[in-house]
Amino acid sequence: MAKKQKNKPLKNNDLNKTEEQTEFSEATEALYKKILRVMSWIVGICFVLIIILPLFENVTLDRITKVLYYIGVINLLAFTIFEFIADSFKRFLEKLITAA
């Protein structure tokens, strides 16, 4: 049988860590969300077109489908990387916003 684990109260160090994670301005958060939203739309549209365009059996559309596939895959990889390194990416955006 599994042992029950007790919930430990947060220590001062843990509270400081959670406060550090929310240090980004509203402009940075809004820009980050817009970037991810646009990227997810691009991925969705590309992959829907990849499913639909080959049905027309046209050489030109096959080339377009190939380009859309590469755009979609690269965008999906970038989206995934931005999600994994969100704090670093937000810090980068914060520097860009404050520098401008």
C-alpha atoms as a PDB file:
ATOM      1  CA  MET A   1       0.000   0.000   0.000  1.00  0.00           C
ATOM      2  CA  ALA A   2       1.128   3.508  -0.721  1.00  0.00           C
ATOM      3  CA  LYS A   3       2.205   5.681   2.152  1.00  0.00           C
ATOM      4  CA  LYS A   4       0.445   8.950   2.703  1.00  0.00           C
ATOM      5  CA  GLN A   5       2.588  12.026   2.362  1.00  0.00           C
ATOM      6  CA  LYS A   6       2.037  15.074   4.483  1.00  0.00           C
ATOM      7  CA  ASN A   7       1.744  18.458   2.831  1.00  0.00           C
ATOM      8  CA  LYS A   8       4.661  20.551   3.993  1.00  0.00           C
ATOM      9  CA  PRO A   9       4.033  24.226   4.686  1.00  0.00           C
ATOM     10  CA  LEU A  10       5.954  26.612   2.465  1.00  0.00           C
ATOM     11  CA  LYS A  11       9.183  27.929   3.917  1.00  0.00           C
ATOM     12  CA  ASN A  12      10.421  31.474   3.402  1.00  0.00           C
ATOM     13  CA  ASN A  13      12.730  30.303   0.603  1.00  0.00           C
ATOM     14  CA  ASP A  14       9.803  28.672  -1.200  1.00  0.00           C
ATOM     15  CA  LEU A  15       7.748  31.851  -0.880  1.00  0.00           C
ATOM     16  CA  ASN A  16      10.602  33.880  -2.362  1.00  0.00           C
ATOM     17  CA  LYS A  17      10.826  31.498  -5.311  1.00  0.00           C
ATOM     18  CA  THR A  18       7.133  31.879  -6.096  1.00  0.00           C
ATOM     19  CA  GLU A  19       7.430  35.660  -5.879  1.00  0.00           C
ATOM     20  CA  GLU A  20      10.372  35.627  -8.291  1.00  0.00           C
ATOM     21  CA  GLN A  21       8.324  33.793 -10.887  1.00  0.00           C
ATOM     22  CA  THR A  22       5.708  36.567 -11.043  1.00  0.00           C
ATOM     23  CA  GLU A  23       8.097  39.480 -11.531  1.00  0.00           C
ATOM     24  CA  PHE A  24       7.191  40.145 -15.170  1.00  0.00           C
ATOM     25  CA  SER A  25       5.206  43.203 -16.179  1.00  0.00           C
ATOM     26  CA  GLU A  26       1.769  43.038 -17.748  1.00  0.00           C
ATOM     27  CA  ALA A  27       3.178  44.179 -21.083  1.00  0.00           C
ATOM     28  CA  THR A  28       5.635  41.275 -21.090  1.00  0.00           C
ATOM     29  CA  GLU A  29       2.943  38.745 -20.195  1.00  0.00           C
ATOM     30  CA  ALA A  30       0.627  40.144 -22.878  1.00  0.00           C
ATOM     31  CA  LEU A  31       3.348  40.014 -25.533  1.00  0.00           C
ATOM     32  CA  TYR A  32       4.291  36.457 -24.519  1.00  0.00           C
ATOM     33  CA  LYS A  33       0.662  35.329 -24.765  1.00  0.00           C
ATOM     34  CA  LYS A  34       0.232  37.018 -28.170  1.00  0.00           C
ATOM     35  CA  ILE A  35       3.361  35.337 -29.509  1.00  0.00           C
ATOM     36  CA  LEU A  36       2.208  31.901 -28.353  1.00  0.00           C
ATOM     37  CA  ARG A  37      -1.328  32.480 -29.642  1.00  0.00           C
ATOM     38  CA  VAL A  38      -0.074  33.471 -33.110  1.00  0.00           C
ATOM     39  CA  MET A  39       2.291  30.508 -33.208  1.00  0.00           C
ATOM     40  CA  SER A  40      -0.464  28.075 -32.241  1.00  0.00           C
ATOM     41  CA  TRP A  41      -2.738  29.499 -34.961  1.00  0.00           C
ATOM     42  CA  ILE A  42       0.030  29.108 -37.543  1.00  0.00           C
ATOM     43  CA  VAL A  43       0.602  25.493 -36.504  1.00  0.00           C
ATOM     44  CA  GLY A  44      -3.113  24.722 -36.624  1.00  0.00           C
ATOM     45  CA  ILE A  45      -3.697  26.316 -40.025  1.00  0.00           C
ATOM     46  CA  CYS A  46      -0.608  24.674 -41.525  1.00  0.00           C
ATOM     47  CA  PHE A  47      -1.587  21.203 -40.418  1.00  0.00           C
ATOM     48  CA  VAL A  48      -5.204  21.596 -41.517  1.00  0.00           C
ATOM     49  CA  LEU A  49      -3.993  22.683 -44.961  1.00  0.00           C
ATOM     50  CA  ILE A  50      -1.547  19.761 -45.016  1.00  0.00           C
ATOM     51  CA  ILE A  51      -4.513  17.431 -44.629  1.00  0.00           C
ATOM     52  CA  ILE A  52      -6.744  19.181 -47.190  1.00  0.00           C
ATOM     53  CA  LEU A  53      -4.403  20.286 -50.018  1.00  0.00           C
ATOM     54  CA  PRO A  54      -3.157  16.825 -51.135  1.00  0.00           C
ATOM     55  CA  LEU A  55      -6.749  15.863 -51.946  1.00  0.00           C
ATOM     56  CA  PHE A  56      -6.650  18.140 -55.021  1.00  0.00           C
ATOM     57  CA  GLU A  57      -3.781  16.125 -56.582  1.00  0.00           C
ATOM     58  CA  ASN A  58      -1.978  19.093 -58.116  1.00  0.00           C
ATOM     59  CA  VAL A  59       1.812  19.398 -58.436  1.00  0.00           C
ATOM     60  CA  THR A  60       1.829  23.048 -57.392  1.00  0.00           C
ATOM     61  CA  LEU A  61      -0.314  22.348 -54.350  1.00  0.00           C
ATOM     62  CA  ASP A  62       2.010  19.485 -53.422  1.00  0.00           C
ATOM     63  CA  ARG A  63       4.929  21.928 -53.319  1.00  0.00           C
ATOM     64  CA  ILE A  64       2.885  24.366 -51.251  1.00  0.00           C
ATOM     65  CA  THR A  65       1.956  21.518 -48.902  1.00  0.00           C
ATOM     66  CA  LYS A  66       5.624  20.653 -48.464  1.00  0.00           C
ATOM     67  CA  VAL A  67       6.468  24.262 -47.561  1.00  0.00           C
ATOM     68  CA  LEU A  68       3.515  24.434 -45.162  1.00  0.00           C
ATOM     69  CA  TYR A  69       4.702  21.215 -43.525  1.00  0.00           C
ATOM     70  CA  TYR A  70       8.141  22.679 -42.848  1.00  0.00           C
ATOM     71  CA  ILE A  71       6.662  25.936 -41.568  1.00  0.00           C
ATOM     72  CA  GLY A  72       4.301  24.029 -39.268  1.00  0.00           C
ATOM     73  CA  VAL A  73       6.967  21.713 -37.880  1.00  0.00           C
ATOM     74  CA  ILE A  74       9.473  24.514 -37.255  1.00  0.00           C
ATOM     75  CA  ASN A  75       6.779  26.612 -35.613  1.00  0.00           C
ATOM     76  CA  LEU A  76       5.678  23.690 -33.444  1.00  0.00           C
ATOM     77  CA  LEU A  77       9.255  23.058 -32.300  1.00  0.00           C
ATOM     78  CA  ALA A  78       9.771  26.755 -31.515  1.00  0.00           C
ATOM     79  CA  PHE A  79       6.452  26.839 -29.635  1.00  0.00           C
ATOM     80  CA  THR A  80       7.497  23.829 -27.551  1.00  0.00           C
ATOM     81  CA  ILE A  81      10.906  25.319 -26.777  1.00  0.00           C
ATOM     82  CA  PHE A  82       9.347  28.656 -25.774  1.00  0.00           C
ATOM     83  CA  GLU A  83       7.017  26.797 -23.407  1.00  0.00           C
ATOM     84  CA  PHE A  84       9.905  24.917 -21.773  1.00  0.00           C
ATOM     85  CA  ILE A  85      12.068  28.010 -21.302  1.00  0.00           C
ATOM     86  CA  ALA A  86       9.199  30.388 -20.560  1.00  0.00           C
ATOM     87  CA  ASP A  87      10.933  32.303 -17.756  1.00  0.00           C
ATOM     88  CA  SER A  88      14.086  32.922 -19.776  1.00  0.00           C
ATOM     89  CA  PHE A  89      12.044  33.934 -22.803  1.00  0.00           C
ATOM     90  CA  LYS A  90       9.951  36.319 -20.687  1.00  0.00           C
ATOM     91  CA  ARG A  91      13.135  37.862 -19.266  1.00  0.00           C
ATOM     92  CA  PHE A  92      14.370  38.353 -22.836  1.00  0.00           C
ATOM     93  CA  LEU A  93      11.071  40.000 -23.805  1.00  0.00           C
ATOM     94  CA  GLU A  94      11.236  42.181 -20.686  1.00  0.00           C
ATOM     95  CA  LYS A  95      14.689  43.411 -21.728  1.00  0.00           C
ATOM     96  CA  LEU A  96      13.422  44.143 -25.239  1.00  0.00           C
ATOM     97  CA  ILE A  97      10.432  46.082 -23.935  1.00  0.00           C
ATOM     98  CA  THR A  98      12.419  48.140 -21.438  1.00  0.00           C
ATOM     99  CA  ALA A  99      15.183  48.853 -23.975  1.00  0.00           C
ATOM    100  CA  ALA A 100      12.717  50.256 -26.503  1.00  0.00           C
END
